[in-house]
Amino acid sequence: MSSFENEIKMTSRMRDEINSVVTMYTYDFNQQKRMGFIVMELGNESLKDRVESLHQMHLRSASNDYDYISAQERKNIWIQLFNIVSALHRHNVVS
């Protein structure tokens, strides 16, 4: 139970720090079955789906470059990924 509680606390702290972390609405732990349950937001799309959607938008744009997605969208994705990994590192989830 303590590792489950630690994960809940860590996720809440990270959510306060960075908006790319999912929102948890509530949680519970069944002692008898030793199972944790978390109710959280459902993401609208995966990273793969988002990139494919951006690619389709880029193809329909008037841009003459041959990038898969625009440079600005790539930059936005990299910034979000960097911020997520940095937060995970600060909270000792990854080293």
N, C-alpha and C. Protein backbone atom coordinates (compact mmCIF):
# COMPACT_ATOMS: atom_id res chain seq x y z
N MET A 1 0.83 -1.20 0.00
CA MET A 1 0.00 0.00 0.00
C MET A 1 0.86 1.25 0.00
N SER A 2 1.99 1.26 0.69
CA SER A 2 2.78 2.49 0.77
C SER A 2 3.34 2.89 -0.60
N SER A 3 3.73 1.93 -1.43
CA SER A 3 4.23 2.30 -2.76
C SER A 3 3.11 2.89 -3.61
N PHE A 4 1.90 2.38 -3.45
CA PHE A 4 0.74 2.92 -4.16
C PHE A 4 0.47 4.35 -3.70
N GLU A 5 0.48 4.56 -2.38
CA GLU A 5 0.27 5.91 -1.84
C GLU A 5 1.37 6.86 -2.30
N ASN A 6 2.61 6.38 -2.33
CA ASN A 6 3.71 7.21 -2.79
C ASN A 6 3.52 7.61 -4.24
N GLU A 7 3.05 6.68 -5.06
CA GLU A 7 2.81 6.99 -6.47
C GLU A 7 1.71 8.04 -6.61
N ILE A 8 0.66 7.93 -5.82
CA ILE A 8 -0.43 8.90 -5.84
C ILE A 8 0.09 10.29 -5.45
N LYS A 9 0.85 10.35 -4.37
CA LYS A 9 1.40 11.63 -3.91
C LYS A 9 2.34 12.23 -4.94
N MET A 10 3.21 11.40 -5.49
CA MET A 10 4.17 11.88 -6.48
C MET A 10 3.44 12.40 -7.72
N THR A 11 2.43 11.70 -8.18
CA THR A 11 1.68 12.13 -9.35
C THR A 11 0.98 13.45 -9.06
N SER A 12 0.44 13.60 -7.87
CA SER A 12 -0.22 14.87 -7.50
C SER A 12 0.78 16.01 -7.48
N ARG A 13 1.96 15.79 -6.91
CA ARG A 13 2.99 16.84 -6.89
C ARG A 13 3.42 17.21 -8.30
N MET A 14 3.60 16.19 -9.15
CA MET A 14 4.01 16.46 -10.52
C MET A 14 2.91 17.20 -11.28
N ARG A 15 1.67 16.86 -11.02
CA ARG A 15 0.56 17.52 -11.70
C ARG A 15 0.53 19.01 -11.35
N ASP A 16 0.87 19.33 -10.10
CA ASP A 16 0.92 20.73 -9.67
C ASP A 16 2.04 21.48 -10.40
N GLU A 17 3.07 20.74 -10.78
CA GLU A 17 4.27 21.34 -11.38
C GLU A 17 4.19 21.44 -12.90
N ILE A 18 3.57 20.46 -13.55
CA ILE A 18 3.58 20.40 -15.01
C ILE A 18 2.21 19.93 -15.50
N ASN A 19 1.66 20.63 -16.49
CA ASN A 19 0.30 20.30 -16.92
C ASN A 19 0.24 19.13 -17.90
N SER A 20 1.36 18.52 -18.23
CA SER A 20 1.36 17.37 -19.13
C SER A 20 1.09 16.05 -18.41
N VAL A 21 0.97 16.11 -17.09
CA VAL A 21 0.68 14.92 -16.29
C VAL A 21 -0.83 14.75 -16.22
N VAL A 22 -1.31 13.52 -16.33
CA VAL A 22 -2.75 13.28 -16.30
C VAL A 22 -3.36 13.74 -14.98
N THR A 23 -4.62 14.10 -15.03
CA THR A 23 -5.36 14.50 -13.85
C THR A 23 -5.97 13.26 -13.20
N MET A 24 -5.70 13.09 -11.91
CA MET A 24 -6.34 12.01 -11.14
C MET A 24 -7.53 12.62 -10.41
N TYR A 25 -8.67 11.94 -10.50
CA TYR A 25 -9.86 12.43 -9.82
C TYR A 25 -10.03 11.81 -8.45
N THR A 26 -9.74 10.53 -8.35
CA THR A 26 -9.82 9.85 -7.05
C THR A 26 -9.07 8.53 -7.15
N TYR A 27 -8.90 7.89 -6.02
CA TYR A 27 -8.23 6.58 -5.98
C TYR A 27 -8.72 5.80 -4.77
N ASP A 28 -8.48 4.51 -4.81
CA ASP A 28 -8.84 3.64 -3.69
C ASP A 28 -7.91 2.44 -3.71
N PHE A 29 -7.77 1.81 -2.57
CA PHE A 29 -6.94 0.62 -2.47
C PHE A 29 -7.73 -0.47 -1.77
N ASN A 30 -7.90 -1.64 -2.42
CA ASN A 30 -8.60 -2.78 -1.84
C ASN A 30 -7.57 -3.62 -1.10
N GLN A 31 -7.59 -3.55 0.24
CA GLN A 31 -6.62 -4.28 1.07
C GLN A 31 -6.72 -5.79 0.87
N GLN A 32 -7.95 -6.30 0.76
CA GLN A 32 -8.15 -7.73 0.64
C GLN A 32 -7.53 -8.27 -0.65
N LYS A 33 -7.73 -7.59 -1.75
CA LYS A 33 -7.19 -8.03 -3.03
C LYS A 33 -5.82 -7.43 -3.33
N ARG A 34 -5.40 -6.48 -2.48
CA ARG A 34 -4.12 -5.80 -2.66
C ARG A 34 -4.02 -5.18 -4.05
N MET A 35 -5.10 -4.47 -4.41
CA MET A 35 -5.18 -3.81 -5.72
C MET A 35 -5.52 -2.34 -5.54
N GLY A 36 -4.81 -1.50 -6.29
CA GLY A 36 -5.10 -0.07 -6.29
C GLY A 36 -5.92 0.30 -7.50
N PHE A 37 -6.80 1.27 -7.32
CA PHE A 37 -7.64 1.75 -8.41
C PHE A 37 -7.50 3.26 -8.49
N ILE A 38 -7.31 3.76 -9.69
CA ILE A 38 -7.17 5.20 -9.92
C ILE A 38 -8.16 5.62 -10.99
N VAL A 39 -8.90 6.69 -10.72
CA VAL A 39 -9.79 7.27 -11.71
C VAL A 39 -9.10 8.51 -12.23
N MET A 40 -8.80 8.49 -13.54
CA MET A 40 -8.07 9.61 -14.13
C MET A 40 -8.68 9.98 -15.47
N GLU A 41 -8.24 11.13 -15.96
CA GLU A 41 -8.75 11.59 -17.24
C GLU A 41 -8.36 10.63 -18.36
N LEU A 42 -9.17 10.61 -19.38
CA LEU A 42 -8.90 9.81 -20.56
C LEU A 42 -8.28 10.72 -21.60
N GLY A 43 -7.09 10.39 -22.06
CA GLY A 43 -6.44 11.19 -23.09
C GLY A 43 -7.20 11.09 -24.40
N ASN A 44 -7.20 12.18 -25.13
CA ASN A 44 -7.92 12.21 -26.39
C ASN A 44 -7.21 11.45 -27.49
N GLU A 45 -5.88 11.48 -27.47
CA GLU A 45 -5.14 10.81 -28.53
C GLU A 45 -3.74 10.47 -28.05
N SER A 46 -3.16 9.46 -28.67
CA SER A 46 -1.79 9.09 -28.34
C SER A 46 -0.83 10.03 -29.05
N LEU A 47 0.42 9.98 -28.67
CA LEU A 47 1.43 10.80 -29.35
C LEU A 47 1.48 10.44 -30.83
N LYS A 48 1.40 9.16 -31.13
CA LYS A 48 1.42 8.70 -32.53
C LYS A 48 0.24 9.31 -33.30
N ASP A 49 -0.95 9.26 -32.72
CA ASP A 49 -2.13 9.82 -33.38
C ASP A 49 -1.99 11.33 -33.56
N ARG A 50 -1.44 12.00 -32.54
CA ARG A 50 -1.25 13.45 -32.63
C ARG A 50 -0.29 13.81 -33.76
N VAL A 51 0.83 13.09 -33.85
CA VAL A 51 1.80 13.37 -34.91
C VAL A 51 1.18 13.11 -36.28
N GLU A 52 0.42 12.03 -36.42
CA GLU A 52 -0.23 11.75 -37.71
C GLU A 52 -1.24 12.84 -38.06
N SER A 53 -1.98 13.33 -37.07
CA SER A 53 -2.93 14.41 -37.30
C SER A 53 -2.19 15.69 -37.72
N LEU A 54 -1.09 16.00 -37.05
CA LEU A 54 -0.29 17.17 -37.42
C LEU A 54 0.27 17.02 -38.83
N HIS A 55 0.66 15.79 -39.18
CA HIS A 55 1.19 15.53 -40.52
C HIS A 55 0.11 15.82 -41.58
N GLN A 56 -1.11 15.36 -41.34
CA GLN A 56 -2.19 15.61 -42.29
C GLN A 56 -2.48 17.10 -42.42
N MET A 57 -2.45 17.82 -41.29
CA MET A 57 -2.66 19.26 -41.34
C MET A 57 -1.53 19.93 -42.12
N HIS A 58 -0.32 19.47 -41.92
CA HIS A 58 0.85 20.03 -42.61
C HIS A 58 0.75 19.79 -44.12
N LEU A 59 0.27 18.61 -44.52
CA LEU A 59 0.12 18.32 -45.94
C LEU A 59 -0.90 19.25 -46.61
N ARG A 60 -1.95 19.60 -45.86
CA ARG A 60 -3.00 20.46 -46.40
C ARG A 60 -2.63 21.94 -46.39
N SER A 61 -1.55 22.28 -45.68
CA SER A 61 -1.16 23.70 -45.58
C SER A 61 -0.49 24.15 -46.87
N ALA A 62 -0.29 25.42 -46.98
CA ALA A 62 0.34 26.00 -48.17
C ALA A 62 1.86 25.92 -48.09
N SER A 63 2.38 25.28 -47.07
CA SER A 63 3.83 25.20 -46.89
C SER A 63 4.47 24.41 -48.03
N ASN A 64 5.62 24.85 -48.45
CA ASN A 64 6.33 24.17 -49.53
C ASN A 64 7.45 23.26 -49.01
N ASP A 65 7.62 23.19 -47.70
CA ASP A 65 8.69 22.33 -47.19
C ASP A 65 8.25 20.87 -47.15
N TYR A 66 9.20 19.98 -46.96
CA TYR A 66 8.91 18.55 -47.02
C TYR A 66 8.94 17.88 -45.66
N ASP A 67 8.83 18.66 -44.60
CA ASP A 67 8.82 18.10 -43.25
C ASP A 67 7.58 17.25 -43.04
N TYR A 68 7.72 16.24 -42.18
CA TYR A 68 6.58 15.40 -41.83
C TYR A 68 5.55 16.21 -41.07
N ILE A 69 6.02 16.99 -40.09
CA ILE A 69 5.18 17.97 -39.39
C ILE A 69 5.98 19.27 -39.35
N SER A 70 5.31 20.36 -39.06
CA SER A 70 5.98 21.65 -39.07
C SER A 70 7.05 21.72 -37.99
N ALA A 71 8.01 22.58 -38.23
CA ALA A 71 9.10 22.77 -37.27
C ALA A 71 8.56 23.27 -35.93
N GLN A 72 7.56 24.13 -35.96
CA GLN A 72 6.98 24.65 -34.71
C GLN A 72 6.30 23.54 -33.92
N GLU A 73 5.57 22.66 -34.59
CA GLU A 73 4.91 21.55 -33.89
C GLU A 73 5.95 20.58 -33.32
N ARG A 74 7.01 20.31 -34.07
CA ARG A 74 8.09 19.45 -33.55
C ARG A 74 8.68 20.07 -32.30
N LYS A 75 8.92 21.37 -32.35
CA LYS A 75 9.48 22.09 -31.19
C LYS A 75 8.55 21.97 -29.99
N ASN A 76 7.25 22.17 -30.20
CA ASN A 76 6.28 22.06 -29.10
C ASN A 76 6.29 20.66 -28.47
N ILE A 77 6.34 19.64 -29.31
CA ILE A 77 6.37 18.26 -28.79
C ILE A 77 7.64 18.01 -28.00
N TRP A 78 8.79 18.44 -28.52
CA TRP A 78 10.06 18.24 -27.81
C TRP A 78 10.08 18.99 -26.49
N ILE A 79 9.53 20.19 -26.45
CA ILE A 79 9.49 20.94 -25.19
C ILE A 79 8.65 20.19 -24.16
N GLN A 80 7.49 19.68 -24.57
CA GLN A 80 6.64 18.93 -23.64
C GLN A 80 7.34 17.67 -23.15
N LEU A 81 7.97 16.93 -24.07
CA LEU A 81 8.68 15.71 -23.68
C LEU A 81 9.82 16.02 -22.72
N PHE A 82 10.58 17.06 -23.03
CA PHE A 82 11.68 17.46 -22.15
C PHE A 82 11.17 17.82 -20.76
N ASN A 83 10.09 18.60 -20.70
CA ASN A 83 9.53 18.99 -19.40
C ASN A 83 9.04 17.78 -18.61
N ILE A 84 8.45 16.81 -19.29
CA ILE A 84 7.98 15.61 -18.61
C ILE A 84 9.15 14.82 -18.05
N VAL A 85 10.16 14.58 -18.86
CA VAL A 85 11.33 13.81 -18.41
C VAL A 85 12.06 14.56 -17.28
N SER A 86 12.15 15.88 -17.39
CA SER A 86 12.79 16.67 -16.33
C SER A 86 12.04 16.53 -15.01
N ALA A 87 10.71 16.59 -15.07
CA ALA A 87 9.90 16.43 -13.85
C ALA A 87 10.08 15.03 -13.27
N LEU A 88 10.09 14.01 -14.14
CA LEU A 88 10.31 12.64 -13.66
C LEU A 88 11.67 12.52 -12.99
N HIS A 89 12.66 13.17 -13.55
CA HIS A 89 14.01 13.14 -12.97
C HIS A 89 14.04 13.87 -11.62
N ARG A 90 13.42 15.03 -11.54
CA ARG A 90 13.39 15.79 -10.28
C ARG A 90 12.71 15.02 -9.16
N HIS A 91 11.75 14.18 -9.53
CA HIS A 91 11.01 13.40 -8.52
C HIS A 91 11.58 11.99 -8.37
N ASN A 92 12.77 11.79 -8.93
CA ASN A 92 13.50 10.51 -8.79
C ASN A 92 12.75 9.31 -9.34
N VAL A 93 11.93 9.54 -10.36
CA VAL A 93 11.25 8.43 -11.03
C VAL A 93 12.19 7.81 -12.04
N VAL A 94 12.97 8.65 -12.70
CA VAL A 94 14.03 8.20 -13.62
C VAL A 94 15.31 8.90 -13.21
N SER A 95 16.44 8.28 -13.55
CA SER A 95 17.71 8.93 -13.20
C SER A 95 18.61 9.01 -14.41
